[in-house]
Amino acid sequence: VPEDKVFIVPVISVEQCKTLILNSLNAIIDAKYHYVTTYTDKGEKKRKKLTKEEIAKKLKTEGEYDENIIFVIDSLGMLPTEKEINDTATGSDKKDMTRAQLLRSFGRVVSVKLSLAQTPLIVVNHIYSTMDKYSPSEISGGSGPKYMADIVLALFKSKEKKGNEQVGVKIKTYVNKSRYMIENKFVEILLHFKKGLVPWSNIVQLAYDLGVLKKEGHSFVFPDGTKAKMKEVFSKPSTFINADNLAIIREVIMADFSFGKNGGELEEDF
């Protein structure tokens, strides 16, 4: 991501974060749908819909609003509430019972605005372990963040070693919730300490598990007939994960991860 395209705004509370994002979304929506903000003599805000002539003049001078913006909160779990801040300042040790309500309110307020602005919001949050057999990990902050999200990915990491030396971490990413793909699927991403994120980390093994690749001895056989061991693939990925092979692999992976079409027999699944 180009650094000149990143705007970092420190916030100190859930309330401040909600207000900042809401005001930003209002500005984006106003620009998209041709509203302007005016003020009365008393300093009160008013939204005014531009006339066709005013819109034409604005488009001529400013052009159409076509910026692509992504909001990222890092992290929601570390944001205190105003009550928690004030209680700490006064030495009060009362439990903060307002946080879950504030997070649910945050979700309700920004969800429709995000849709109108066609702007994604990526929220980093903490998960914690539970004793529940069927839900071993849970999102912190109550049910609000979970219900407002279109997609929830749960990340777990393990060490990647070369001999006894740790050279990176494997990030296993589970689909906890999604409106676009089957839940409980997962992929592994390798974060190498020296090479950074490896984009084809899990694709060879995943393609083999789905039957796209075959195996001869220790070598994988790709759709175009080329053969390579995993070590060779990682050393020269563009040779084996080329456009033709990737198109075939992608089609099968998308079919496996995506929701099915209407129709078809269901007996075999029950």
C-alpha atoms as a PDB file:
ATOM      1  CA  VAL A   1       0.000   0.000   0.000  1.00  0.00           C
ATOM      2  CA  PRO A   2       1.518   3.383  -0.980  1.00  0.00           C
ATOM      3  CA  GLU A   3       2.304   5.353   2.173  1.00  0.00           C
ATOM      4  CA  ASP A   4       0.967   8.590   0.697  1.00  0.00           C
ATOM      5  CA  LYS A   5      -2.449   6.912   0.369  1.00  0.00           C
ATOM      6  CA  VAL A   6      -2.636   5.995   4.073  1.00  0.00           C
ATOM      7  CA  PHE A   7      -4.133   8.437   6.565  1.00  0.00           C
ATOM      8  CA  ILE A   8      -3.690   7.397  10.211  1.00  0.00           C
ATOM      9  CA  VAL A   9      -6.021   8.965  12.781  1.00  0.00           C
ATOM     10  CA  PRO A  10      -5.397   8.026  16.431  1.00  0.00           C
ATOM     11  CA  VAL A  11      -8.622   7.605  18.450  1.00  0.00           C
ATOM     12  CA  ILE A  12      -8.857   7.028  22.189  1.00  0.00           C
ATOM     13  CA  SER A  13     -12.368   5.638  22.677  1.00  0.00           C
ATOM     14  CA  VAL A  14     -15.140   3.635  21.015  1.00  0.00           C
ATOM     15  CA  GLU A  15     -17.339   6.745  20.939  1.00  0.00           C
ATOM     16  CA  GLN A  16     -14.674   8.852  19.216  1.00  0.00           C
ATOM     17  CA  CYS A  17     -14.039   6.106  16.646  1.00  0.00           C
ATOM     18  CA  LYS A  18     -17.759   5.808  15.869  1.00  0.00           C
ATOM     19  CA  THR A  19     -18.139   9.572  15.410  1.00  0.00           C
ATOM     20  CA  LEU A  20     -15.058   9.838  13.195  1.00  0.00           C
ATOM     21  CA  ILE A  21     -16.114   7.009  10.861  1.00  0.00           C
ATOM     22  CA  LEU A  22     -19.728   8.221  10.721  1.00  0.00           C
ATOM     23  CA  ASN A  23     -18.707  11.779   9.791  1.00  0.00           C
ATOM     24  CA  SER A  24     -16.298  10.450   7.165  1.00  0.00           C
ATOM     25  CA  LEU A  25     -18.995   8.226   5.655  1.00  0.00           C
ATOM     26  CA  ASN A  26     -21.448  11.139   5.580  1.00  0.00           C
ATOM     27  CA  ALA A  27     -18.892  13.179   3.635  1.00  0.00           C
ATOM     28  CA  ILE A  28     -18.380  10.334   1.135  1.00  0.00           C
ATOM     29  CA  ILE A  29     -22.141   9.862   0.688  1.00  0.00           C
ATOM     30  CA  ASP A  30     -22.663  13.603   0.241  1.00  0.00           C
ATOM     31  CA  ALA A  31     -19.990  13.684  -2.461  1.00  0.00           C
ATOM     32  CA  LYS A  32     -21.446  10.641  -4.233  1.00  0.00           C
ATOM     33  CA  TYR A  33     -25.055  11.804  -4.135  1.00  0.00           C
ATOM     34  CA  HIS A  34     -24.374  15.531  -4.539  1.00  0.00           C
ATOM     35  CA  TYR A  35     -25.241  16.955  -1.155  1.00  0.00           C
ATOM     36  CA  VAL A  36     -23.463  19.847   0.536  1.00  0.00           C
ATOM     37  CA  THR A  37     -23.326  20.763   4.216  1.00  0.00           C
ATOM     38  CA  THR A  38     -24.384  24.300   5.130  1.00  0.00           C
ATOM     39  CA  TYR A  39     -24.712  26.105   8.440  1.00  0.00           C
ATOM     40  CA  THR A  40     -27.490  28.305   9.802  1.00  0.00           C
ATOM     41  CA  ASP A  41     -26.866  31.645  11.542  1.00  0.00           C
ATOM     42  CA  LYS A  42     -26.946  29.756  14.831  1.00  0.00           C
ATOM     43  CA  GLY A  43     -24.200  27.392  13.620  1.00  0.00           C
ATOM     44  CA  GLU A  44     -26.523  24.395  13.121  1.00  0.00           C
ATOM     45  CA  LYS A  45     -25.622  21.910  10.368  1.00  0.00           C
ATOM     46  CA  LYS A  46     -27.939  21.430   7.389  1.00  0.00           C
ATOM     47  CA  ARG A  47     -27.653  19.073   4.416  1.00  0.00           C
ATOM     48  CA  LYS A  48     -28.725  20.589   1.131  1.00  0.00           C
ATOM     49  CA  LYS A  49     -29.442  18.652  -2.080  1.00  0.00           C
ATOM     50  CA  LEU A  50     -27.842  20.380  -5.061  1.00  0.00           C
ATOM     51  CA  THR A  51     -29.932  21.337  -8.068  1.00  0.00           C
ATOM     52  CA  LYS A  52     -29.164  19.935 -11.531  1.00  0.00           C
ATOM     53  CA  GLU A  53     -27.438  23.190 -12.444  1.00  0.00           C
ATOM     54  CA  GLU A  54     -25.336  23.131  -9.259  1.00  0.00           C
ATOM     55  CA  ILE A  55     -24.423  19.476  -9.830  1.00  0.00           C
ATOM     56  CA  ALA A  56     -23.364  20.212 -13.411  1.00  0.00           C
ATOM     57  CA  LYS A  57     -21.216  23.124 -12.205  1.00  0.00           C
ATOM     58  CA  LYS A  58     -19.654  20.981  -9.466  1.00  0.00           C
ATOM     59  CA  LEU A  59     -18.874  18.150 -11.901  1.00  0.00           C
ATOM     60  CA  LYS A  60     -17.276  20.652 -14.282  1.00  0.00           C
ATOM     61  CA  THR A  61     -14.993  22.090 -11.599  1.00  0.00           C
ATOM     62  CA  GLU A  62     -14.378  19.094  -9.316  1.00  0.00           C
ATOM     63  CA  GLY A  63     -15.234  16.062 -11.431  1.00  0.00           C
ATOM     64  CA  GLU A  64     -17.129  12.953 -10.329  1.00  0.00           C
ATOM     65  CA  TYR A  65     -16.285  11.497  -6.908  1.00  0.00           C
ATOM     66  CA  ASP A  66     -14.462   8.256  -7.672  1.00  0.00           C
ATOM     67  CA  GLU A  67     -12.123   7.712  -4.734  1.00  0.00           C
ATOM     68  CA  ASN A  68     -11.867   4.152  -3.392  1.00  0.00           C
ATOM     69  CA  ILE A  69     -11.578   4.273   0.385  1.00  0.00           C
ATOM     70  CA  ILE A  70     -11.120   1.507   2.955  1.00  0.00           C
ATOM     71  CA  PHE A  71     -11.493   2.077   6.694  1.00  0.00           C
ATOM     72  CA  VAL A  72      -9.405  -0.082   9.039  1.00  0.00           C
ATOM     73  CA  ILE A  73      -9.790  -0.191  12.835  1.00  0.00           C
ATOM     74  CA  ASP A  74      -6.748  -1.677  14.543  1.00  0.00           C
ATOM     75  CA  SER A  75      -7.868  -2.772  16.936  1.00  0.00           C
ATOM     76  CA  LEU A  76     -11.410  -2.699  18.300  1.00  0.00           C
ATOM     77  CA  GLY A  77     -10.422  -4.853  21.255  1.00  0.00           C
ATOM     78  CA  MET A  78      -7.937  -2.234  22.488  1.00  0.00           C
ATOM     79  CA  LEU A  79     -10.381   0.698  22.303  1.00  0.00           C
ATOM     80  CA  PRO A  80     -11.732   1.676  25.746  1.00  0.00           C
ATOM     81  CA  THR A  81     -15.035   3.469  26.319  1.00  0.00           C
ATOM     82  CA  GLU A  82     -15.322   7.007  27.711  1.00  0.00           C
ATOM     83  CA  LYS A  83     -16.673   5.498  30.937  1.00  0.00           C
ATOM     84  CA  GLU A  84     -13.633   3.224  31.300  1.00  0.00           C
ATOM     85  CA  ILE A  85     -11.297   6.193  30.751  1.00  0.00           C
ATOM     86  CA  ASN A  86     -13.146   8.358  33.291  1.00  0.00           C
ATOM     87  CA  ASP A  87     -13.343   5.523  35.845  1.00  0.00           C
ATOM     88  CA  THR A  88      -9.590   4.967  35.554  1.00  0.00           C
ATOM     89  CA  ALA A  89      -8.907   8.692  35.987  1.00  0.00           C
ATOM     90  CA  THR A  90     -11.012   8.829  39.159  1.00  0.00           C
ATOM     91  CA  GLY A  91      -9.687   5.550  40.571  1.00  0.00           C
ATOM     92  CA  SER A  92     -13.027   3.740  40.260  1.00  0.00           C
ATOM     93  CA  ASP A  93     -12.815  -0.026  39.800  1.00  0.00           C
ATOM     94  CA  LYS A  94     -16.445  -0.531  38.709  1.00  0.00           C
ATOM     95  CA  LYS A  95     -16.958  -2.900  35.804  1.00  0.00           C
ATOM     96  CA  ASP A  96     -17.806  -1.196  32.513  1.00  0.00           C
ATOM     97  CA  MET A  97     -21.250  -2.472  31.475  1.00  0.00           C
ATOM     98  CA  THR A  98     -21.623  -0.054  28.542  1.00  0.00           C
ATOM     99  CA  ARG A  99     -19.057  -1.464  26.103  1.00  0.00           C
ATOM    100  CA  ALA A 100     -21.195  -4.200  24.509  1.00  0.00           C
ATOM    101  CA  GLN A 101     -24.092  -1.755  24.024  1.00  0.00           C
ATOM    102  CA  LEU A 102     -21.785   0.824  22.434  1.00  0.00           C
ATOM    103  CA  LEU A 103     -20.359  -1.741  20.004  1.00  0.00           C
ATOM    104  CA  ARG A 104     -23.856  -2.863  18.968  1.00  0.00           C
ATOM    105  CA  SER A 105     -24.804   0.790  18.478  1.00  0.00           C
ATOM    106  CA  PHE A 106     -21.660   1.274  16.383  1.00  0.00           C
ATOM    107  CA  GLY A 107     -22.696  -1.599  14.118  1.00  0.00           C
ATOM    108  CA  ARG A 108     -26.240  -0.323  13.682  1.00  0.00           C
ATOM    109  CA  VAL A 109     -25.134   3.235  12.907  1.00  0.00           C
ATOM    110  CA  VAL A 110     -22.429   2.516  10.328  1.00  0.00           C
ATOM    111  CA  SER A 111     -23.755  -0.598   8.532  1.00  0.00           C
ATOM    112  CA  VAL A 112     -26.230   1.176   6.229  1.00  0.00           C
ATOM    113  CA  LYS A 113     -23.853   4.109   5.754  1.00  0.00           C
ATOM    114  CA  LEU A 114     -21.085   1.738   4.609  1.00  0.00           C
ATOM    115  CA  SER A 115     -23.481   0.210   2.070  1.00  0.00           C
ATOM    116  CA  LEU A 116     -24.541   3.615   0.724  1.00  0.00           C
ATOM    117  CA  ALA A 117     -20.926   4.775   0.487  1.00  0.00           C
ATOM    118  CA  GLN A 118     -19.838   1.410  -1.027  1.00  0.00           C
ATOM    119  CA  THR A 119     -16.911   1.517   1.375  1.00  0.00           C
ATOM    120  CA  PRO A 120     -15.428  -1.509   3.206  1.00  0.00           C
ATOM    121  CA  LEU A 121     -14.627  -1.429   6.918  1.00  0.00           C
ATOM    122  CA  ILE A 122     -11.979  -3.883   8.125  1.00  0.00           C
ATOM    123  CA  VAL A 123     -12.035  -4.391  11.888  1.00  0.00           C
ATOM    124  CA  VAL A 124      -9.220  -6.145  13.755  1.00  0.00           C
ATOM    125  CA  ASN A 125     -10.439  -7.654  17.018  1.00  0.00           C
ATOM    126  CA  HIS A 126      -9.321 -10.164  19.621  1.00  0.00           C
ATOM    127  CA  ILE A 127     -10.557 -13.723  20.012  1.00  0.00           C
ATOM    128  CA  TYR A 128     -10.350 -15.775  23.164  1.00  0.00           C
ATOM    129  CA  SER A 129     -10.573 -19.489  23.974  1.00  0.00           C
ATOM    130  CA  THR A 130     -13.719 -20.960  25.511  1.00  0.00           C
ATOM    131  CA  MET A 131     -14.652 -24.321  27.026  1.00  0.00           C
ATOM    132  CA  ASP A 132     -17.387 -24.782  24.405  1.00  0.00           C
ATOM    133  CA  LYS A 133     -16.841 -27.951  22.362  1.00  0.00           C
ATOM    134  CA  TYR A 134     -18.556 -26.535  19.267  1.00  0.00           C
ATOM    135  CA  SER A 135     -17.261 -22.960  19.496  1.00  0.00           C
ATOM    136  CA  PRO A 136     -13.727 -23.144  20.955  1.00  0.00           C
ATOM    137  CA  SER A 137     -12.934 -19.504  20.110  1.00  0.00           C
ATOM    138  CA  GLU A 138     -15.097 -16.423  20.587  1.00  0.00           C
ATOM    139  CA  ILE A 139     -14.852 -12.783  19.485  1.00  0.00           C
ATOM    140  CA  SER A 140     -14.330 -10.271  22.290  1.00  0.00           C
ATOM    141  CA  GLY A 141     -16.658  -7.322  22.782  1.00  0.00           C
ATOM    142  CA  GLY A 142     -19.995  -9.128  22.780  1.00  0.00           C
ATOM    143  CA  SER A 143     -22.210 -10.120  19.887  1.00  0.00           C
ATOM    144  CA  GLY A 144     -22.310  -6.691  18.198  1.00  0.00           C
ATOM    145  CA  PRO A 145     -19.140  -6.995  16.058  1.00  0.00           C
ATOM    146  CA  LYS A 146     -20.080 -10.557  15.064  1.00  0.00           C
ATOM    147  CA  TYR A 147     -23.597  -9.665  13.911  1.00  0.00           C
ATOM    148  CA  MET A 148     -22.624  -6.505  12.017  1.00  0.00           C
ATOM    149  CA  ALA A 149     -19.919  -8.262   9.982  1.00  0.00           C
ATOM    150  CA  ASP A 150     -20.439  -9.678   6.494  1.00  0.00           C
ATOM    151  CA  ILE A 151     -17.261 -11.727   6.878  1.00  0.00           C
ATOM    152  CA  VAL A 152     -15.489 -12.949  10.029  1.00  0.00           C
ATOM    153  CA  LEU A 153     -12.073 -14.568   9.667  1.00  0.00           C
ATOM    154  CA  ALA A 154     -10.439 -16.168  12.707  1.00  0.00           C
ATOM    155  CA  LEU A 155      -6.624 -16.305  12.562  1.00  0.00           C
ATOM    156  CA  PHE A 156      -4.364 -18.741  14.439  1.00  0.00           C
ATOM    157  CA  LYS A 157      -0.631 -19.062  14.058  1.00  0.00           C
ATOM    158  CA  SER A 158       2.038 -21.737  14.426  1.00  0.00           C
ATOM    159  CA  LYS A 159       5.798 -21.736  13.925  1.00  0.00           C
ATOM    160  CA  GLU A 160       7.403 -22.401  10.538  1.00  0.00           C
ATOM    161  CA  LYS A 161      10.799 -24.021  11.123  1.00  0.00           C
ATOM    162  CA  LYS A 162      13.815 -24.959   9.052  1.00  0.00           C
ATOM    163  CA  GLY A 163      15.519 -27.541  11.175  1.00  0.00           C
ATOM    164  CA  ASN A 164      15.537 -26.104  14.699  1.00  0.00           C
ATOM    165  CA  GLU A 165      15.424 -22.502  13.529  1.00  0.00           C
ATOM    166  CA  GLN A 166      12.147 -20.614  13.254  1.00  0.00           C
ATOM    167  CA  VAL A 167      12.008 -18.883   9.852  1.00  0.00           C
ATOM    168  CA  GLY A 168       8.422 -17.636   9.925  1.00  0.00           C
ATOM    169  CA  VAL A 169       4.874 -18.311  11.031  1.00  0.00           C
ATOM    170  CA  LYS A 170       1.985 -20.185   9.447  1.00  0.00           C
ATOM    171  CA  ILE A 171      -1.284 -18.284   9.742  1.00  0.00           C
ATOM    172  CA  LYS A 172      -4.302 -20.580   9.580  1.00  0.00           C
ATOM    173  CA  THR A 173      -7.340 -18.532   8.546  1.00  0.00           C
ATOM    174  CA  TYR A 174     -10.794 -19.949   9.293  1.00  0.00           C
ATOM    175  CA  VAL A 175     -14.003 -18.619   7.778  1.00  0.00           C
ATOM    176  CA  ASN A 176     -16.014 -18.114  10.968  1.00  0.00           C
ATOM    177  CA  LYS A 177     -18.861 -16.312   9.174  1.00  0.00           C
ATOM    178  CA  SER A 178     -19.452 -15.235   5.595  1.00  0.00           C
ATOM    179  CA  ARG A 179     -22.276 -14.050   3.356  1.00  0.00           C
ATOM    180  CA  TYR A 180     -20.236 -14.975   0.266  1.00  0.00           C
ATOM    181  CA  MET A 181     -18.659 -18.367   0.891  1.00  0.00           C
ATOM    182  CA  ILE A 182     -19.040 -21.599   2.849  1.00  0.00           C
ATOM    183  CA  GLU A 183     -18.236 -21.306   6.539  1.00  0.00           C
ATOM    184  CA  ASN A 184     -15.598 -23.341   8.414  1.00  0.00           C
ATOM    185  CA  LYS A 185     -13.303 -23.493   5.385  1.00  0.00           C
ATOM    186  CA  PHE A 186      -9.681 -22.561   6.013  1.00  0.00           C
ATOM    187  CA  VAL A 187      -6.435 -21.746   4.254  1.00  0.00           C
ATOM    188  CA  GLU A 188      -2.859 -21.405   5.500  1.00  0.00           C
ATOM    189  CA  ILE A 189      -0.705 -18.390   4.716  1.00  0.00           C
ATOM    190  CA  LEU A 190       3.047 -18.443   5.247  1.00  0.00           C
ATOM    191  CA  LEU A 191       4.606 -15.298   6.672  1.00  0.00           C
ATOM    192  CA  HIS A 192       8.352 -15.678   6.089  1.00  0.00           C
ATOM    193  CA  PHE A 193      10.525 -13.441   8.269  1.00  0.00           C
ATOM    194  CA  LYS A 194      12.804 -12.500   5.348  1.00  0.00           C
ATOM    195  CA  LYS A 195      10.531 -12.872   2.300  1.00  0.00           C
ATOM    196  CA  GLY A 196       7.292 -11.549   3.825  1.00  0.00           C
ATOM    197  CA  LEU A 197       3.878 -12.985   2.951  1.00  0.00           C
ATOM    198  CA  VAL A 198       4.035 -15.854   0.460  1.00  0.00           C
ATOM    199  CA  PRO A 199       0.882 -15.511  -1.695  1.00  0.00           C
ATOM    200  CA  TRP A 200       0.946 -19.113  -3.005  1.00  0.00           C
ATOM    201  CA  SER A 201       1.553 -20.604   0.467  1.00  0.00           C
ATOM    202  CA  ASN A 202      -1.271 -23.137   0.579  1.00  0.00           C
ATOM    203  CA  ILE A 203      -2.398 -23.235  -3.045  1.00  0.00           C
ATOM    204  CA  VAL A 204      -0.423 -26.332  -4.128  1.00  0.00           C
ATOM    205  CA  GLN A 205      -1.610 -28.485  -1.214  1.00  0.00           C
ATOM    206  CA  LEU A 206      -5.163 -27.161  -1.557  1.00  0.00           C
ATOM    207  CA  ALA A 207      -5.213 -27.889  -5.305  1.00  0.00           C
ATOM    208  CA  TYR A 208      -3.902 -31.407  -4.632  1.00  0.00           C
ATOM    209  CA  ASP A 209      -6.572 -32.030  -1.949  1.00  0.00           C
ATOM    210  CA  LEU A 210      -9.259 -30.935  -4.433  1.00  0.00           C
ATOM    211  CA  GLY A 211      -7.915 -33.257  -7.146  1.00  0.00           C
ATOM    212  CA  VAL A 212      -6.591 -30.593  -9.527  1.00  0.00           C
ATOM    213  CA  LEU A 213      -2.982 -31.720  -9.083  1.00  0.00           C
ATOM    214  CA  LYS A 214      -1.759 -35.312  -9.139  1.00  0.00           C
ATOM    215  CA  LYS A 215       1.291 -36.762  -7.405  1.00  0.00           C
ATOM    216  CA  GLU A 216       4.071 -38.901  -8.782  1.00  0.00           C
ATOM    217  CA  GLY A 217       6.405 -39.866  -5.987  1.00  0.00           C
ATOM    218  CA  HIS A 218       7.262 -36.626  -4.184  1.00  0.00           C
ATOM    219  CA  SER A 219       6.445 -34.422  -7.202  1.00  0.00           C
ATOM    220  CA  PHE A 220       3.210 -32.618  -8.001  1.00  0.00           C
ATOM    221  CA  VAL A 221       1.892 -32.848 -11.569  1.00  0.00           C
ATOM    222  CA  PHE A 222       0.314 -29.568 -12.735  1.00  0.00           C
ATOM    223  CA  PRO A 223      -2.504 -29.297 -15.324  1.00  0.00           C
ATOM    224  CA  ASP A 224      -0.035 -28.281 -18.073  1.00  0.00           C
ATOM    225  CA  GLY A 225       2.036 -31.428 -17.464  1.00  0.00           C
ATOM    226  CA  THR A 226       4.952 -29.831 -15.579  1.00  0.00           C
ATOM    227  CA  LYS A 227       6.214 -31.650 -12.500  1.00  0.00           C
ATOM    228  CA  ALA A 228       7.884 -30.244  -9.398  1.00  0.00           C
ATOM    229  CA  LYS A 229       8.494 -30.937  -5.749  1.00  0.00           C
ATOM    230  CA  MET A 230       7.163 -28.442  -3.224  1.00  0.00           C
ATOM    231  CA  LYS A 231      10.644 -27.001  -2.725  1.00  0.00           C
ATOM    232  CA  GLU A 232      10.982 -26.342  -6.474  1.00  0.00           C
ATOM    233  CA  VAL A 233       7.579 -24.674  -6.609  1.00  0.00           C
ATOM    234  CA  PHE A 234       8.557 -22.274  -3.829  1.00  0.00           C
ATOM    235  CA  SER A 235      11.903 -21.468  -5.443  1.00  0.00           C
ATOM    236  CA  LYS A 236      10.390 -20.731  -8.903  1.00  0.00           C
ATOM    237  CA  PRO A 237       6.627 -20.189  -8.368  1.00  0.00           C
ATOM    238  CA  SER A 238       5.962 -18.342 -11.642  1.00  0.00           C
ATOM    239  CA  THR A 239       7.173 -21.387 -13.628  1.00  0.00           C
ATOM    240  CA  PHE A 240       4.526 -23.697 -12.164  1.00  0.00           C
ATOM    241  CA  ILE A 241       1.812 -21.377 -10.835  1.00  0.00           C
ATOM    242  CA  ASN A 242       1.468 -19.640 -14.178  1.00  0.00           C
ATOM    243  CA  ALA A 243      -1.644 -18.021 -15.647  1.00  0.00           C
ATOM    244  CA  ASP A 244      -2.977 -21.187 -17.328  1.00  0.00           C
ATOM    245  CA  ASN A 245      -2.488 -23.441 -14.293  1.00  0.00           C
ATOM    246  CA  LEU A 246      -3.789 -20.772 -11.934  1.00  0.00           C
ATOM    247  CA  ALA A 247      -6.988 -20.303 -13.961  1.00  0.00           C
ATOM    248  CA  ILE A 248      -7.794 -24.037 -13.642  1.00  0.00           C
ATOM    249  CA  ILE A 249      -6.852 -24.174  -9.960  1.00  0.00           C
ATOM    250  CA  ARG A 250      -8.861 -21.030  -9.199  1.00  0.00           C
ATOM    251  CA  GLU A 251     -12.010 -22.397 -10.857  1.00  0.00           C
ATOM    252  CA  VAL A 252     -11.959 -25.553  -8.740  1.00  0.00           C
ATOM    253  CA  ILE A 253     -11.146 -23.710  -5.489  1.00  0.00           C
ATOM    254  CA  MET A 254     -13.908 -21.152  -6.108  1.00  0.00           C
ATOM    255  CA  ALA A 255     -16.396 -23.966  -6.762  1.00  0.00           C
ATOM    256  CA  ASP A 256     -15.389 -25.681  -3.515  1.00  0.00           C
ATOM    257  CA  PHE A 257     -15.464 -22.515  -1.375  1.00  0.00           C
ATOM    258  CA  SER A 258     -18.564 -20.868  -2.907  1.00  0.00           C
ATOM    259  CA  PHE A 259     -22.248 -21.498  -2.326  1.00  0.00           C
ATOM    260  CA  GLY A 260     -23.930 -23.894  -4.757  1.00  0.00           C
ATOM    261  CA  LYS A 261     -26.515 -23.088  -7.399  1.00  0.00           C
ATOM    262  CA  ASN A 262     -30.243 -23.632  -6.928  1.00  0.00           C
ATOM    263  CA  GLY A 263     -31.535 -27.073  -7.843  1.00  0.00           C
ATOM    264  CA  GLY A 264     -29.963 -30.508  -7.823  1.00  0.00           C
ATOM    265  CA  GLU A 265     -30.621 -33.556  -5.695  1.00  0.00           C
ATOM    266  CA  LEU A 266     -30.010 -33.333  -1.952  1.00  0.00           C
ATOM    267  CA  GLU A 267     -30.393 -36.990  -0.958  1.00  0.00           C
ATOM    268  CA  GLU A 268     -26.665 -37.681  -1.065  1.00  0.00           C
ATOM    269  CA  ASP A 269     -26.033 -34.947   1.540  1.00  0.00           C
ATOM    270  CA  PHE A 270     -28.542 -36.306   4.093  1.00  0.00           C
END
